[in-house]
Amino acid sequence: MPPRGVKKGTKRARQYEKVKKSVKGQGKSEGTAEEIAARVVNKERARSGESRERSRTSVKDKSPGQRGGERSGTKRPKGRTKEQLMNEARKLNIEGRSKMDKAQLQRAVDRKKK
């Protein structure tokens, strides 16, 4: 069931179902999937000005796509994926990017951005 304020058949309702299905596909329980989907939808509603109340972090924080796994609650190394780093390196025209591993890409992208 989507969060309160999300009407059936709207973009946010479809987003809720898609996120819920994705999380369940990762092996999470129904309840966990519903909670995560509701949080994602509420954050997106706050970022786009669709909700009455919103926290500072919902509006001013990095978007989930930019965050790339930071603060995700897992024990694996946090940060952008290799694919995200490769896309950034391509945009920044970093030479030799195809032969770099993830750590090298991260350093190269961070150096180029400064």
N, C-alpha and C. Protein backbone atom coordinates (compact mmCIF):
# COMPACT_ATOMS: atom_id res chain seq x y z
N MET A 1 0.85 -1.17 0.00
CA MET A 1 0.00 0.00 0.00
C MET A 1 0.90 1.24 0.00
N PRO A 2 0.76 2.07 -1.00
CA PRO A 2 1.59 3.29 -1.07
C PRO A 2 1.38 4.21 0.13
N PRO A 3 2.32 5.10 0.37
CA PRO A 3 2.18 6.03 1.50
C PRO A 3 0.95 6.92 1.35
N ARG A 4 0.52 7.48 2.47
CA ARG A 4 -0.63 8.40 2.43
C ARG A 4 -0.33 9.57 1.50
N GLY A 5 -1.35 10.02 0.78
CA GLY A 5 -1.18 11.15 -0.11
C GLY A 5 -0.82 10.74 -1.53
N VAL A 6 -0.57 9.46 -1.75
CA VAL A 6 -0.24 8.97 -3.09
C VAL A 6 -1.49 8.31 -3.66
N LYS A 7 -2.02 8.90 -4.70
CA LYS A 7 -3.26 8.39 -5.29
C LYS A 7 -2.99 7.24 -6.24
N LYS A 8 -3.93 6.33 -6.33
CA LYS A 8 -3.82 5.16 -7.19
C LYS A 8 -3.69 5.58 -8.65
N GLY A 9 -2.78 4.94 -9.37
CA GLY A 9 -2.61 5.22 -10.80
C GLY A 9 -1.69 6.40 -11.11
N THR A 10 -1.14 7.05 -10.09
CA THR A 10 -0.25 8.18 -10.34
C THR A 10 1.18 7.68 -10.53
N LYS A 11 2.05 8.60 -10.93
CA LYS A 11 3.46 8.27 -11.12
C LYS A 11 4.07 7.71 -9.84
N ARG A 12 3.76 8.31 -8.71
CA ARG A 12 4.34 7.87 -7.44
C ARG A 12 3.83 6.49 -7.05
N ALA A 13 2.58 6.16 -7.37
CA ALA A 13 2.05 4.83 -7.08
C ALA A 13 2.79 3.79 -7.92
N ARG A 14 3.03 4.11 -9.19
CA ARG A 14 3.78 3.19 -10.05
C ARG A 14 5.22 3.05 -9.56
N GLN A 15 5.81 4.17 -9.13
CA GLN A 15 7.18 4.14 -8.61
C GLN A 15 7.24 3.25 -7.37
N TYR A 16 6.25 3.37 -6.50
CA TYR A 16 6.19 2.56 -5.28
C TYR A 16 6.18 1.07 -5.63
N GLU A 17 5.31 0.68 -6.57
CA GLU A 17 5.21 -0.72 -6.96
C GLU A 17 6.51 -1.23 -7.58
N LYS A 18 7.14 -0.39 -8.40
CA LYS A 18 8.38 -0.80 -9.06
C LYS A 18 9.50 -1.01 -8.04
N VAL A 19 9.64 -0.08 -7.10
CA VAL A 19 10.68 -0.20 -6.07
C VAL A 19 10.40 -1.41 -5.19
N LYS A 20 9.14 -1.60 -4.81
CA LYS A 20 8.77 -2.72 -3.96
C LYS A 20 9.11 -4.05 -4.65
N LYS A 21 8.78 -4.16 -5.93
CA LYS A 21 9.07 -5.37 -6.69
C LYS A 21 10.58 -5.62 -6.76
N SER A 22 11.33 -4.54 -6.98
CA SER A 22 12.79 -4.65 -7.07
C SER A 22 13.40 -5.13 -5.76
N VAL A 23 12.94 -4.56 -4.66
CA VAL A 23 13.48 -4.92 -3.34
C VAL A 23 13.12 -6.37 -3.01
N LYS A 24 11.89 -6.78 -3.34
CA LYS A 24 11.50 -8.18 -3.10
C LYS A 24 12.35 -9.12 -3.95
N GLY A 25 12.71 -8.69 -5.15
CA GLY A 25 13.57 -9.49 -6.03
C GLY A 25 14.96 -9.67 -5.46
N GLN A 26 15.35 -8.79 -4.55
CA GLN A 26 16.66 -8.89 -3.90
C GLN A 26 16.61 -9.81 -2.68
N GLY A 27 15.43 -10.42 -2.45
CA GLY A 27 15.30 -11.39 -1.37
C GLY A 27 14.83 -10.82 -0.05
N LYS A 28 14.38 -9.57 -0.03
CA LYS A 28 13.88 -8.97 1.21
C LYS A 28 12.43 -9.40 1.45
N SER A 29 11.97 -9.28 2.68
CA SER A 29 10.60 -9.65 3.02
C SER A 29 9.62 -8.61 2.49
N GLU A 30 8.35 -8.99 2.47
CA GLU A 30 7.28 -8.10 2.00
C GLU A 30 7.26 -6.80 2.80
N GLY A 31 7.34 -6.91 4.12
CA GLY A 31 7.28 -5.72 4.98
C GLY A 31 8.46 -4.78 4.75
N THR A 32 9.65 -5.35 4.62
CA THR A 32 10.84 -4.55 4.37
C THR A 32 10.73 -3.86 3.02
N ALA A 33 10.25 -4.60 2.02
CA ALA A 33 10.11 -4.04 0.68
C ALA A 33 9.12 -2.87 0.68
N GLU A 34 8.02 -3.02 1.42
CA GLU A 34 7.04 -1.94 1.50
C GLU A 34 7.62 -0.71 2.19
N GLU A 35 8.39 -0.93 3.26
CA GLU A 35 8.99 0.18 3.99
C GLU A 35 9.99 0.95 3.12
N ILE A 36 10.85 0.22 2.43
CA ILE A 36 11.85 0.86 1.59
C ILE A 36 11.18 1.62 0.45
N ALA A 37 10.18 1.00 -0.18
CA ALA A 37 9.47 1.66 -1.28
C ALA A 37 8.78 2.94 -0.81
N ALA A 38 8.17 2.89 0.37
CA ALA A 38 7.49 4.08 0.90
C ALA A 38 8.50 5.19 1.18
N ARG A 39 9.66 4.83 1.72
CA ARG A 39 10.69 5.84 2.00
C ARG A 39 11.20 6.50 0.71
N VAL A 40 11.41 5.68 -0.31
CA VAL A 40 11.88 6.22 -1.59
C VAL A 40 10.84 7.18 -2.17
N VAL A 41 9.58 6.77 -2.17
CA VAL A 41 8.51 7.61 -2.73
C VAL A 41 8.37 8.90 -1.94
N ASN A 42 8.39 8.80 -0.61
CA ASN A 42 8.27 10.01 0.20
C ASN A 42 9.43 10.97 -0.02
N LYS A 43 10.63 10.44 -0.17
CA LYS A 43 11.79 11.30 -0.41
C LYS A 43 11.65 12.00 -1.76
N GLU A 44 11.23 11.27 -2.78
CA GLU A 44 11.06 11.88 -4.11
C GLU A 44 9.93 12.91 -4.09
N ARG A 45 8.87 12.64 -3.35
CA ARG A 45 7.78 13.62 -3.23
C ARG A 45 8.29 14.90 -2.57
N ALA A 46 9.12 14.75 -1.54
CA ALA A 46 9.66 15.91 -0.83
C ALA A 46 10.60 16.70 -1.74
N ARG A 47 11.45 16.00 -2.50
CA ARG A 47 12.41 16.66 -3.38
C ARG A 47 11.71 17.45 -4.48
N SER A 48 10.55 16.96 -4.93
CA SER A 48 9.86 17.64 -6.02
C SER A 48 8.79 18.61 -5.53
N GLY A 49 8.66 18.77 -4.20
CA GLY A 49 7.70 19.74 -3.66
C GLY A 49 6.28 19.25 -3.61
N GLU A 50 6.05 17.94 -3.68
CA GLU A 50 4.69 17.39 -3.68
C GLU A 50 4.14 17.14 -2.28
N SER A 51 4.99 17.21 -1.26
CA SER A 51 4.51 16.94 0.10
C SER A 51 4.47 18.22 0.91
N ARG A 52 3.63 18.22 1.93
CA ARG A 52 3.50 19.40 2.78
C ARG A 52 4.73 19.61 3.65
N GLU A 53 5.19 18.54 4.28
CA GLU A 53 6.35 18.63 5.17
C GLU A 53 7.50 17.84 4.58
N ARG A 54 8.71 18.32 4.81
CA ARG A 54 9.88 17.60 4.33
C ARG A 54 11.07 17.93 5.22
N SER A 55 11.94 16.95 5.38
CA SER A 55 13.13 17.17 6.20
C SER A 55 14.20 17.85 5.36
N ARG A 56 15.15 18.45 6.03
CA ARG A 56 16.23 19.14 5.34
C ARG A 56 17.04 18.16 4.49
N THR A 57 17.28 16.96 5.02
CA THR A 57 18.07 15.99 4.27
C THR A 57 17.34 15.50 3.03
N SER A 58 16.02 15.46 3.06
CA SER A 58 15.28 15.03 1.87
C SER A 58 15.45 16.01 0.73
N VAL A 59 15.58 17.27 1.05
CA VAL A 59 15.63 18.30 0.02
C VAL A 59 17.06 18.68 -0.36
N LYS A 60 17.94 18.80 0.62
CA LYS A 60 19.28 19.33 0.36
C LYS A 60 20.35 18.25 0.14
N ASP A 61 20.04 17.01 0.51
CA ASP A 61 21.01 15.92 0.40
C ASP A 61 21.19 15.50 -1.05
N LYS A 62 22.24 14.72 -1.31
CA LYS A 62 22.45 14.15 -2.65
C LYS A 62 21.27 13.23 -2.98
N SER A 63 20.95 13.14 -4.26
CA SER A 63 19.89 12.21 -4.65
C SER A 63 20.41 10.79 -4.48
N PRO A 64 19.52 9.81 -4.36
CA PRO A 64 19.97 8.43 -4.19
C PRO A 64 20.88 7.97 -5.32
N GLY A 65 20.65 8.43 -6.52
CA GLY A 65 21.49 8.05 -7.64
C GLY A 65 22.91 8.58 -7.53
N GLN A 66 23.03 9.81 -7.06
CA GLN A 66 24.36 10.40 -6.88
C GLN A 66 25.09 9.78 -5.71
N ARG A 67 24.32 9.39 -4.68
CA ARG A 67 24.92 8.86 -3.47
C ARG A 67 25.61 7.53 -3.74
N GLY A 68 25.07 6.75 -4.65
CA GLY A 68 25.72 5.53 -5.08
C GLY A 68 26.05 4.53 -3.99
N GLY A 69 25.16 4.31 -3.07
CA GLY A 69 25.38 3.28 -2.05
C GLY A 69 25.95 3.78 -0.75
N GLU A 70 26.33 5.03 -0.67
CA GLU A 70 26.81 5.56 0.61
C GLU A 70 25.66 5.46 1.61
N ARG A 71 25.97 5.17 2.83
CA ARG A 71 24.98 5.05 3.91
C ARG A 71 23.90 4.02 3.60
N SER A 72 24.25 2.97 2.88
CA SER A 72 23.23 2.00 2.50
C SER A 72 23.01 0.92 3.56
N GLY A 73 23.83 0.89 4.60
CA GLY A 73 23.64 -0.08 5.66
C GLY A 73 24.28 -1.43 5.38
N THR A 74 25.10 -1.53 4.35
CA THR A 74 25.77 -2.79 4.06
C THR A 74 27.20 -2.73 4.57
N LYS A 75 27.85 -3.86 4.60
CA LYS A 75 29.23 -3.93 5.08
C LYS A 75 30.23 -3.78 3.93
N ARG A 76 29.75 -3.77 2.70
CA ARG A 76 30.64 -3.64 1.55
C ARG A 76 31.16 -2.21 1.44
N PRO A 77 32.23 -1.99 0.68
CA PRO A 77 32.75 -0.64 0.52
C PRO A 77 31.69 0.29 -0.06
N LYS A 78 31.59 1.48 0.47
CA LYS A 78 30.57 2.43 0.05
C LYS A 78 31.06 3.29 -1.11
N GLY A 79 30.15 3.95 -1.77
CA GLY A 79 30.53 4.87 -2.83
C GLY A 79 29.93 4.49 -4.16
N ARG A 80 30.39 5.15 -5.20
CA ARG A 80 29.86 4.93 -6.54
C ARG A 80 30.28 3.58 -7.09
N THR A 81 29.45 3.03 -7.96
CA THR A 81 29.78 1.76 -8.60
C THR A 81 30.81 2.02 -9.69
N LYS A 82 31.43 0.94 -10.17
CA LYS A 82 32.42 1.09 -11.23
C LYS A 82 31.76 1.67 -12.48
N GLU A 83 30.53 1.23 -12.74
CA GLU A 83 29.80 1.75 -13.90
C GLU A 83 29.56 3.26 -13.78
N GLN A 84 29.17 3.72 -12.60
CA GLN A 84 28.97 5.15 -12.38
C GLN A 84 30.27 5.91 -12.57
N LEU A 85 31.36 5.37 -12.03
CA LEU A 85 32.67 6.01 -12.18
C LEU A 85 33.09 6.05 -13.64
N MET A 86 32.83 4.97 -14.37
CA MET A 86 33.19 4.92 -15.79
C MET A 86 32.42 5.98 -16.58
N ASN A 87 31.13 6.16 -16.27
CA ASN A 87 30.34 7.18 -16.95
C ASN A 87 30.87 8.58 -16.65
N GLU A 88 31.23 8.82 -15.40
CA GLU A 88 31.80 10.12 -15.04
C GLU A 88 33.12 10.35 -15.75
N ALA A 89 33.96 9.30 -15.80
CA ALA A 89 35.26 9.41 -16.46
C ALA A 89 35.07 9.71 -17.95
N ARG A 90 34.06 9.10 -18.56
CA ARG A 90 33.78 9.35 -19.97
C ARG A 90 33.39 10.82 -20.18
N LYS A 91 32.54 11.34 -19.29
CA LYS A 91 32.12 12.74 -19.40
C LYS A 91 33.28 13.71 -19.20
N LEU A 92 34.24 13.30 -18.35
CA LEU A 92 35.40 14.15 -18.05
C LEU A 92 36.57 13.92 -19.01
N ASN A 93 36.37 13.03 -20.00
CA ASN A 93 37.40 12.70 -21.00
C ASN A 93 38.72 12.25 -20.36
N ILE A 94 38.64 11.34 -19.42
CA ILE A 94 39.83 10.81 -18.78
C ILE A 94 40.40 9.71 -19.66
N GLU A 95 41.66 9.88 -20.05
CA GLU A 95 42.29 8.90 -20.93
C GLU A 95 42.69 7.65 -20.16
N GLY A 96 42.61 6.49 -20.83
CA GLY A 96 43.01 5.22 -20.23
C GLY A 96 41.98 4.66 -19.27
N ARG A 97 40.79 5.21 -19.27
CA ARG A 97 39.77 4.79 -18.30
C ARG A 97 39.35 3.33 -18.47
N SER A 98 39.39 2.83 -19.69
CA SER A 98 38.93 1.45 -19.91
C SER A 98 39.86 0.42 -19.29
N LYS A 99 41.10 0.79 -19.04
CA LYS A 99 42.07 -0.14 -18.45
C LYS A 99 42.19 0.02 -16.94
N MET A 100 41.45 0.98 -16.37
CA MET A 100 41.56 1.25 -14.93
C MET A 100 40.62 0.35 -14.14
N ASP A 101 41.06 0.02 -12.91
CA ASP A 101 40.15 -0.68 -12.00
C ASP A 101 39.34 0.38 -11.24
N LYS A 102 38.46 -0.07 -10.37
CA LYS A 102 37.56 0.85 -9.68
C LYS A 102 38.30 1.90 -8.86
N ALA A 103 39.31 1.49 -8.10
CA ALA A 103 40.05 2.42 -7.26
C ALA A 103 40.77 3.48 -8.10
N GLN A 104 41.36 3.05 -9.21
CA GLN A 104 42.05 3.99 -10.09
C GLN A 104 41.06 4.97 -10.71
N LEU A 105 39.90 4.45 -11.12
CA LEU A 105 38.87 5.34 -11.68
C LEU A 105 38.44 6.38 -10.65
N GLN A 106 38.23 5.92 -9.42
CA GLN A 106 37.79 6.84 -8.36
C GLN A 106 38.81 7.97 -8.17
N ARG A 107 40.10 7.62 -8.10
CA ARG A 107 41.14 8.64 -7.92
C ARG A 107 41.18 9.58 -9.11
N ALA A 108 41.10 9.04 -10.32
CA ALA A 108 41.19 9.86 -11.53
C ALA A 108 40.01 10.83 -11.63
N VAL A 109 38.81 10.33 -11.34
CA VAL A 109 37.61 11.19 -11.40
C VAL A 109 37.69 12.27 -10.34
N ASP A 110 38.06 11.89 -9.12
CA ASP A 110 38.16 12.87 -8.03
C ASP A 110 39.22 13.93 -8.32
N ARG A 111 40.36 13.52 -8.89
CA ARG A 111 41.42 14.48 -9.25
C ARG A 111 40.93 15.45 -10.32
N LYS A 112 40.26 14.91 -11.31
CA LYS A 112 39.81 15.74 -12.45
C LYS A 112 38.73 16.73 -12.02
N LYS A 113 37.91 16.36 -11.04
CA LYS A 113 36.81 17.23 -10.57
C LYS A 113 37.32 18.42 -9.78
N LYS A 114 38.51 18.30 -9.15
CA LYS A 114 39.03 19.39 -8.30
C LYS A 114 39.48 20.56 -9.09
